[in-house]
C-alpha atoms as a PDB file:
ATOM      1  CA  UNK A   1      31.334 -11.354  -5.014  1.00  0.00           C
ATOM      2  CA  UNK A   2      28.622 -12.977  -7.129  1.00  0.00           C
ATOM      3  CA  UNK A   3      26.747 -14.446  -4.151  1.00  0.00           C
ATOM      4  CA  UNK A   4      26.780 -11.119  -2.308  1.00  0.00           C
ATOM      5  CA  UNK A   5      25.497  -9.266  -5.366  1.00  0.00           C
ATOM      6  CA  UNK A   6      22.725 -11.834  -5.795  1.00  0.00           C
ATOM      7  CA  UNK A   7      21.753 -11.344  -2.155  1.00  0.00           C
ATOM      8  CA  UNK A   8      21.538  -7.572  -2.553  1.00  0.00           C
ATOM      9  CA  UNK A   9      19.443  -7.972  -5.698  1.00  0.00           C
ATOM     10  CA  UNK A  10      17.050 -10.423  -4.035  1.00  0.00           C
ATOM     11  CA  UNK A  11      16.567  -8.144  -1.021  1.00  0.00           C
ATOM     12  CA  UNK A  12      15.663  -5.302  -3.367  1.00  0.00           C
ATOM     13  CA  UNK A  13      13.127  -7.486  -5.187  1.00  0.00           C
ATOM     14  CA  UNK A  14      11.642  -9.405  -2.265  1.00  0.00           C
ATOM     15  CA  UNK A  15      10.830  -8.896   1.432  1.00  0.00           C
ATOM     16  CA  UNK A  16      13.817  -9.674   3.638  1.00  0.00           C
ATOM     17  CA  UNK A  17      12.517 -12.953   5.092  1.00  0.00           C
ATOM     18  CA  UNK A  18      11.528 -14.192   1.625  1.00  0.00           C
ATOM     19  CA  UNK A  19      14.938 -13.285   0.183  1.00  0.00           C
ATOM     20  CA  UNK A  20      16.603 -15.201   3.035  1.00  0.00           C
ATOM     21  CA  UNK A  21      14.500 -18.256   2.196  1.00  0.00           C
ATOM     22  CA  UNK A  22      15.676 -18.318  -1.409  1.00  0.00           C
ATOM     23  CA  UNK A  23      19.268 -17.582  -0.506  1.00  0.00           C
ATOM     24  CA  UNK A  24      19.155 -20.552   1.848  1.00  0.00           C
ATOM     25  CA  UNK A  25      17.717 -23.002  -0.676  1.00  0.00           C
ATOM     26  CA  UNK A  26      19.841 -21.671  -3.540  1.00  0.00           C
ATOM     27  CA  UNK A  27      17.104 -21.459  -6.177  1.00  0.00           C
ATOM     28  CA  UNK A  28      13.899 -19.617  -7.037  1.00  0.00           C
ATOM     29  CA  UNK A  29      10.831 -21.850  -7.042  1.00  0.00           C
ATOM     30  CA  UNK A  30       7.199 -21.796  -6.000  1.00  0.00           C
ATOM     31  CA  UNK A  31       6.919 -20.057  -2.646  1.00  0.00           C
ATOM     32  CA  UNK A  32       3.810 -19.089  -0.738  1.00  0.00           C
ATOM     33  CA  UNK A  33       2.635 -18.240   2.761  1.00  0.00           C
ATOM     34  CA  UNK A  34      -0.848 -18.104   4.263  1.00  0.00           C
ATOM     35  CA  UNK A  35      -1.689 -15.093   6.410  1.00  0.00           C
ATOM     36  CA  UNK A  36      -4.821 -14.503   8.464  1.00  0.00           C
ATOM     37  CA  UNK A  37      -4.436 -10.969   9.820  1.00  0.00           C
ATOM     38  CA  UNK A  38      -3.089  -8.558   7.233  1.00  0.00           C
ATOM     39  CA  UNK A  39      -4.101  -4.979   6.431  1.00  0.00           C
ATOM     40  CA  UNK A  40      -3.962  -3.994   2.746  1.00  0.00           C
ATOM     41  CA  UNK A  41      -4.048  -0.557   1.125  1.00  0.00           C
ATOM     42  CA  UNK A  42      -4.270   0.692  -2.443  1.00  0.00           C
ATOM     43  CA  UNK A  43      -3.442   4.352  -3.068  1.00  0.00           C
ATOM     44  CA  UNK A  44      -3.888   5.856  -6.509  1.00  0.00           C
ATOM     45  CA  UNK A  45      -3.394   9.269  -8.092  1.00  0.00           C
ATOM     46  CA  UNK A  46      -6.404   9.295 -10.448  1.00  0.00           C
ATOM     47  CA  UNK A  47      -5.681  12.707 -11.943  1.00  0.00           C
ATOM     48  CA  UNK A  48      -2.090  11.857 -12.892  1.00  0.00           C
ATOM     49  CA  UNK A  49      -2.943  10.172 -16.183  1.00  0.00           C
ATOM     50  CA  UNK A  50      -6.355  11.813 -16.561  1.00  0.00           C
ATOM     51  CA  UNK A  51      -5.103  15.409 -16.323  1.00  0.00           C
ATOM     52  CA  UNK A  52      -1.314  15.586 -16.078  1.00  0.00           C
ATOM     53  CA  UNK A  53       0.233  12.976 -18.335  1.00  0.00           C
ATOM     54  CA  UNK A  54       0.709  13.894 -21.985  1.00  0.00           C
ATOM     55  CA  UNK A  55       3.050  12.961 -24.800  1.00  0.00           C
ATOM     56  CA  UNK A  56       4.291  16.019 -26.662  1.00  0.00           C
ATOM     57  CA  UNK A  57       7.464  17.941 -27.489  1.00  0.00           C
ATOM     58  CA  UNK A  58       7.206  20.061 -24.347  1.00  0.00           C
ATOM     59  CA  UNK A  59       7.583  17.100 -21.980  1.00  0.00           C
ATOM     60  CA  UNK A  60       9.834  14.994 -24.224  1.00  0.00           C
ATOM     61  CA  UNK A  61       7.009  12.679 -25.317  1.00  0.00           C
ATOM     62  CA  UNK A  62       5.895  11.910 -21.775  1.00  0.00           C
ATOM     63  CA  UNK A  63       9.321  11.261 -20.263  1.00  0.00           C
ATOM     64  CA  UNK A  64       9.178  14.341 -18.025  1.00  0.00           C
ATOM     65  CA  UNK A  65       5.746  13.260 -16.766  1.00  0.00           C
ATOM     66  CA  UNK A  66       7.111   9.841 -15.865  1.00  0.00           C
ATOM     67  CA  UNK A  67      10.028  11.526 -14.130  1.00  0.00           C
ATOM     68  CA  UNK A  68       7.516  13.311 -11.875  1.00  0.00           C
ATOM     69  CA  UNK A  69       5.709  10.030 -11.144  1.00  0.00           C
ATOM     70  CA  UNK A  70       9.016   8.370 -10.308  1.00  0.00           C
ATOM     71  CA  UNK A  71       9.812  11.142  -7.823  1.00  0.00           C
ATOM     72  CA  UNK A  72       6.400  10.730  -6.164  1.00  0.00           C
ATOM     73  CA  UNK A  73       6.810   6.958  -5.822  1.00  0.00           C
ATOM     74  CA  UNK A  74      10.366   7.421  -4.537  1.00  0.00           C
ATOM     75  CA  UNK A  75       9.059   9.790  -1.835  1.00  0.00           C
ATOM     76  CA  UNK A  76       6.471   7.180  -0.783  1.00  0.00           C
ATOM     77  CA  UNK A  77       9.220   4.558  -0.692  1.00  0.00           C
ATOM     78  CA  UNK A  78      11.289   6.840   1.527  1.00  0.00           C
ATOM     79  CA  UNK A  79       8.399   7.095   3.991  1.00  0.00           C
ATOM     80  CA  UNK A  80       8.503   3.320   4.376  1.00  0.00           C
ATOM     81  CA  UNK A  81      12.090   3.546   5.604  1.00  0.00           C
ATOM     82  CA  UNK A  82      10.876   5.179   8.827  1.00  0.00           C
ATOM     83  CA  UNK A  83      10.990   2.759  11.788  1.00  0.00           C
ATOM     84  CA  UNK A  84       7.344   3.390  12.706  1.00  0.00           C
ATOM     85  CA  UNK A  85       6.293   1.913   9.369  1.00  0.00           C
ATOM     86  CA  UNK A  86       8.470  -1.196   9.578  1.00  0.00           C
ATOM     87  CA  UNK A  87       5.484  -3.562   9.516  1.00  0.00           C
ATOM     88  CA  UNK A  88       4.445  -2.265   6.072  1.00  0.00           C
ATOM     89  CA  UNK A  89       5.680  -3.966   2.935  1.00  0.00           C
ATOM     90  CA  UNK A  90       5.456  -2.337  -0.480  1.00  0.00           C
ATOM     91  CA  UNK A  91       3.968  -4.898  -2.854  1.00  0.00           C
ATOM     92  CA  UNK A  92       4.143  -3.060  -6.174  1.00  0.00           C
ATOM     93  CA  UNK A  93       3.106  -0.054  -8.194  1.00  0.00           C
ATOM     94  CA  UNK A  94       0.593  -0.375 -11.021  1.00  0.00           C
ATOM     95  CA  UNK A  95       0.673   2.762 -13.155  1.00  0.00           C
ATOM     96  CA  UNK A  96      -0.029   5.534 -10.646  1.00  0.00           C
ATOM     97  CA  UNK A  97      -1.340   3.143  -7.976  1.00  0.00           C
ATOM     98  CA  UNK A  98       0.758   2.248  -4.924  1.00  0.00           C
ATOM     99  CA  UNK A  99       0.000  -1.049  -3.165  1.00  0.00           C
ATOM    100  CA  UNK A 100       1.167  -1.911   0.357  1.00  0.00           C
ATOM    101  CA  UNK A 101       0.320  -4.394   3.114  1.00  0.00           C
ATOM    102  CA  UNK A 102       0.975  -4.493   6.861  1.00  0.00           C
ATOM    103  CA  UNK A 103       1.480  -7.777   8.685  1.00  0.00           C
ATOM    104  CA  UNK A 104       3.603  -9.763   6.240  1.00  0.00           C
ATOM    105  CA  UNK A 105       6.844  -9.279   8.187  1.00  0.00           C
ATOM    106  CA  UNK A 106       7.432 -11.864  10.923  1.00  0.00           C
ATOM    107  CA  UNK A 107       8.472 -11.176  14.510  1.00  0.00           C
ATOM    108  CA  UNK A 108       7.632  -7.485  14.644  1.00  0.00           C
ATOM    109  CA  UNK A 109       6.596  -6.202  18.079  1.00  0.00           C
ATOM    110  CA  UNK A 110       4.155  -3.315  18.542  1.00  0.00           C
ATOM    111  CA  UNK A 111       3.132  -1.231  21.516  1.00  0.00           C
ATOM    112  CA  UNK A 112      -0.165   0.480  22.221  1.00  0.00           C
ATOM    113  CA  UNK A 113      -2.499  -1.943  20.436  1.00  0.00           C
ATOM    114  CA  UNK A 114      -4.533  -4.856  21.784  1.00  0.00           C
ATOM    115  CA  UNK A 115      -3.638  -7.181  18.898  1.00  0.00           C
ATOM    116  CA  UNK A 116      -1.119  -7.323  16.068  1.00  0.00           C
ATOM    117  CA  UNK A 117      -3.933  -6.806  13.552  1.00  0.00           C
ATOM    118  CA  UNK A 118      -5.048  -3.631  15.334  1.00  0.00           C
ATOM    119  CA  UNK A 119      -1.437  -2.416  15.174  1.00  0.00           C
ATOM    120  CA  UNK A 120      -1.227  -3.187  11.453  1.00  0.00           C
ATOM    121  CA  UNK A 121      -4.417  -1.239  10.729  1.00  0.00           C
ATOM    122  CA  UNK A 122      -3.351   1.720  12.869  1.00  0.00           C
ATOM    123  CA  UNK A 123       0.072   1.846  11.238  1.00  0.00           C
ATOM    124  CA  UNK A 124      -1.421   1.621   7.752  1.00  0.00           C
ATOM    125  CA  UNK A 125      -3.793   4.514   8.456  1.00  0.00           C
ATOM    126  CA  UNK A 126      -0.926   6.581   9.855  1.00  0.00           C
ATOM    127  CA  UNK A 127       0.968   5.799   6.653  1.00  0.00           C
ATOM    128  CA  UNK A 128      -2.035   6.953   4.613  1.00  0.00           C
ATOM    129  CA  UNK A 129      -1.936  10.302   6.452  1.00  0.00           C
ATOM    130  CA  UNK A 130       1.824  10.518   5.816  1.00  0.00           C
ATOM    131  CA  UNK A 131       1.239   9.891   2.104  1.00  0.00           C
ATOM    132  CA  UNK A 132      -1.336  12.673   1.996  1.00  0.00           C
ATOM    133  CA  UNK A 133       1.103  15.074   3.664  1.00  0.00           C
ATOM    134  CA  UNK A 134       3.780  13.969   1.219  1.00  0.00           C
ATOM    135  CA  UNK A 135       1.636  14.632  -1.855  1.00  0.00           C
ATOM    136  CA  UNK A 136       0.755  18.094  -0.485  1.00  0.00           C
ATOM    137  CA  UNK A 137       4.449  18.950  -0.238  1.00  0.00           C
ATOM    138  CA  UNK A 138       5.041  17.658  -3.754  1.00  0.00           C
ATOM    139  CA  UNK A 139       2.189  19.824  -5.050  1.00  0.00           C
ATOM    140  CA  UNK A 140       3.579  22.882  -3.280  1.00  0.00           C
ATOM    141  CA  UNK A 141       7.019  22.513  -4.835  1.00  0.00           C
ATOM    142  CA  UNK A 142       5.907  21.384  -8.294  1.00  0.00           C
ATOM    143  CA  UNK A 143       2.812  23.632  -8.645  1.00  0.00           C
ATOM    144  CA  UNK A 144       0.607  20.619  -9.350  1.00  0.00           C
ATOM    145  CA  UNK A 145      -2.657  19.406  -7.859  1.00  0.00           C
ATOM    146  CA  UNK A 146      -2.179  15.669  -7.430  1.00  0.00           C
ATOM    147  CA  UNK A 147      -4.592  13.971  -5.048  1.00  0.00           C
ATOM    148  CA  UNK A 148      -4.733  10.499  -3.580  1.00  0.00           C
ATOM    149  CA  UNK A 149      -7.666   8.123  -3.520  1.00  0.00           C
ATOM    150  CA  UNK A 150      -7.119   5.289  -1.041  1.00  0.00           C
ATOM    151  CA  UNK A 151      -8.806   2.102   0.088  1.00  0.00           C
ATOM    152  CA  UNK A 152      -8.091  -0.162   3.070  1.00  0.00           C
ATOM    153  CA  UNK A 153      -9.308  -3.608   4.135  1.00  0.00           C
ATOM    154  CA  UNK A 154      -8.052  -6.387   6.388  1.00  0.00           C
ATOM    155  CA  UNK A 155      -8.293 -10.173   6.534  1.00  0.00           C
ATOM    156  CA  UNK A 156      -6.635 -13.344   5.290  1.00  0.00           C
ATOM    157  CA  UNK A 157      -4.627 -13.698   2.083  1.00  0.00           C
ATOM    158  CA  UNK A 158      -1.932 -15.670   0.332  1.00  0.00           C
ATOM    159  CA  UNK A 159       1.496 -14.150  -0.332  1.00  0.00           C
ATOM    160  CA  UNK A 160       4.009 -15.687  -2.669  1.00  0.00           C
ATOM    161  CA  UNK A 161       6.604 -15.403  -5.379  1.00  0.00           C
ATOM    162  CA  UNK A 162       5.800 -15.990  -9.033  1.00  0.00           C
ATOM    163  CA  UNK A 163       8.450 -16.413 -11.707  1.00  0.00           C
ATOM    164  CA  UNK A 164      11.974 -17.802 -11.829  1.00  0.00           C
ATOM    165  CA  UNK A 165      14.096 -15.454 -13.960  1.00  0.00           C
ATOM    166  CA  UNK A 166      12.200 -12.334 -12.823  1.00  0.00           C
ATOM    167  CA  UNK A 167      10.620 -13.311  -9.484  1.00  0.00           C
ATOM    168  CA  UNK A 168       7.817 -11.083  -8.241  1.00  0.00           C
ATOM    169  CA  UNK A 169       6.360 -11.046  -4.743  1.00  0.00           C
ATOM    170  CA  UNK A 170       2.611 -10.502  -4.663  1.00  0.00           C
ATOM    171  CA  UNK A 171      -0.502 -11.086  -2.559  1.00  0.00           C
ATOM    172  CA  UNK A 172      -3.841 -12.613  -3.531  1.00  0.00           C
ATOM    173  CA  UNK A 173      -7.282 -13.206  -2.106  1.00  0.00           C
ATOM    174  CA  UNK A 174     -10.633 -11.678  -1.314  1.00  0.00           C
ATOM    175  CA  UNK A 175      -9.034  -9.316   1.218  1.00  0.00           C
ATOM    176  CA  UNK A 176      -6.872  -7.818  -1.527  1.00  0.00           C
ATOM    177  CA  UNK A 177      -9.755  -7.578  -4.003  1.00  0.00           C
ATOM    178  CA  UNK A 178     -11.964  -5.718  -1.524  1.00  0.00           C
ATOM    179  CA  UNK A 179      -9.146  -3.308  -0.624  1.00  0.00           C
ATOM    180  CA  UNK A 180      -8.792  -2.574  -4.330  1.00  0.00           C
ATOM    181  CA  UNK A 181     -12.547  -1.930  -4.609  1.00  0.00           C
ATOM    182  CA  UNK A 182     -12.408   0.384  -1.594  1.00  0.00           C
ATOM    183  CA  UNK A 183      -9.932   2.481  -3.561  1.00  0.00           C
ATOM    184  CA  UNK A 184     -11.648   2.362  -6.952  1.00  0.00           C
ATOM    185  CA  UNK A 185     -15.122   3.191  -5.551  1.00  0.00           C
ATOM    186  CA  UNK A 186     -13.791   5.855  -3.182  1.00  0.00           C
ATOM    187  CA  UNK A 187     -13.493   9.611  -3.496  1.00  0.00           C
ATOM    188  CA  UNK A 188     -10.445  11.592  -4.536  1.00  0.00           C
ATOM    189  CA  UNK A 189      -8.695  13.022  -1.498  1.00  0.00           C
ATOM    190  CA  UNK A 190     -10.178  10.452   0.898  1.00  0.00           C
ATOM    191  CA  UNK A 191      -9.411   7.067   2.465  1.00  0.00           C
ATOM    192  CA  UNK A 192     -12.312   4.604   2.181  1.00  0.00           C
ATOM    193  CA  UNK A 193     -12.253   1.733   4.662  1.00  0.00           C
ATOM    194  CA  UNK A 194     -14.495  -1.299   5.130  1.00  0.00           C
ATOM    195  CA  UNK A 195     -16.774  -0.953   8.127  1.00  0.00           C
ATOM    196  CA  UNK A 196     -15.239  -4.012   9.824  1.00  0.00           C
ATOM    197  CA  UNK A 197     -11.811  -2.355   9.687  1.00  0.00           C
ATOM    198  CA  UNK A 198     -13.147   1.026  10.818  1.00  0.00           C
ATOM    199  CA  UNK A 199     -14.718  -0.519  13.914  1.00  0.00           C
ATOM    200  CA  UNK A 200     -11.338  -1.839  15.015  1.00  0.00           C
ATOM    201  CA  UNK A 201      -9.717   1.541  14.404  1.00  0.00           C
ATOM    202  CA  UNK A 202     -12.232   3.640  16.339  1.00  0.00           C
ATOM    203  CA  UNK A 203     -10.814   2.367  19.635  1.00  0.00           C
ATOM    204  CA  UNK A 204      -7.494   4.048  18.806  1.00  0.00           C
ATOM    205  CA  UNK A 205      -8.718   7.569  18.158  1.00  0.00           C
ATOM    206  CA  UNK A 206      -9.505   7.327  14.445  1.00  0.00           C
ATOM    207  CA  UNK A 207     -12.616   9.213  13.400  1.00  0.00           C
ATOM    208  CA  UNK A 208     -14.864   8.414  10.437  1.00  0.00           C
ATOM    209  CA  UNK A 209     -17.749   9.800   8.453  1.00  0.00           C
ATOM    210  CA  UNK A 210     -21.122   8.058   8.561  1.00  0.00           C
ATOM    211  CA  UNK A 211     -21.441   4.553   7.134  1.00  0.00           C
ATOM    212  CA  UNK A 212     -22.409   4.296   3.476  1.00  0.00           C
ATOM    213  CA  UNK A 213     -22.824   1.445   0.981  1.00  0.00           C
ATOM    214  CA  UNK A 214     -20.620   0.675  -2.016  1.00  0.00           C
ATOM    215  CA  UNK A 215     -21.248  -1.838  -4.771  1.00  0.00           C
ATOM    216  CA  UNK A 216     -18.407  -4.357  -4.859  1.00  0.00           C
ATOM    217  CA  UNK A 217     -18.117  -6.822  -7.719  1.00  0.00           C
ATOM    218  CA  UNK A 218     -18.736 -10.341  -6.491  1.00  0.00           C
ATOM    219  CA  UNK A 219     -19.761  -9.120  -3.025  1.00  0.00           C
ATOM    220  CA  UNK A 220     -22.800  -6.938  -3.663  1.00  0.00           C
ATOM    221  CA  UNK A 221     -23.341  -3.956  -1.376  1.00  0.00           C
ATOM    222  CA  UNK A 222     -20.732  -3.484   1.343  1.00  0.00           C
ATOM    223  CA  UNK A 223     -20.652  -1.066   4.253  1.00  0.00           C
ATOM    224  CA  UNK A 224     -17.760   1.401   4.189  1.00  0.00           C
ATOM    225  CA  UNK A 225     -16.674   4.646   5.827  1.00  0.00           C
ATOM    226  CA  UNK A 226     -14.355   7.507   4.980  1.00  0.00           C
ATOM    227  CA  UNK A 227     -11.498   8.196   7.372  1.00  0.00           C
ATOM    228  CA  UNK A 228     -11.420  11.747   8.776  1.00  0.00           C
ATOM    229  CA  UNK A 229      -8.457  11.962  11.143  1.00  0.00           C
ATOM    230  CA  UNK A 230      -6.904  10.574  14.327  1.00  0.00           C
ATOM    231  CA  UNK A 231      -7.383  12.266  17.677  1.00  0.00           C
ATOM    232  CA  UNK A 232      -4.262  12.212  19.828  1.00  0.00           C
ATOM    233  CA  UNK A 233      -4.739  10.250  23.044  1.00  0.00           C
END
């Protein structure tokens, strides 16, 4: 029925607990939540538009290129369906950039970490590795050379829904801005992480390159490190 269809639509647009809130109150209005321990990641494919995308007769004026991008994003979405990534919420895609956050879903229990925040960071880094493996498989089957450039940060933020007829869930705050800068100032093929986040991750087998400085707008020079791998315990 109409109510059921609306519920399905809302759950596709919004995180489950947010969709339930609006279904309970019966209308879309201003909604926000404050969070204090969330891990945020931006993952872009810089060479998609720089080298791959073109509008010509061969690729149907760019449509075939967008079909490839859609398949890549769909594969990333499919990764998020795995139970081990259930604390990660996809926020949105912006062009060829994929934005996710861990720690927005309530009442999720984790094993093997001292705190929920540690678990969020560990899970997000494991997801970053899974994305890299995914893009390698895509390259193998499509004969392309797409590479990811990723940035991770953690901290407090505000999450909410903007809009009434086309509601969009999003996150805001300094934590998000710095995560974005970690991506944009990073290197293709690598995951750049703020030093504060890397120090939490080292206790769980994650290894990093030496600390370096990056210039972040509004913050000046910030310490950051590139993620290498995770050593099995």
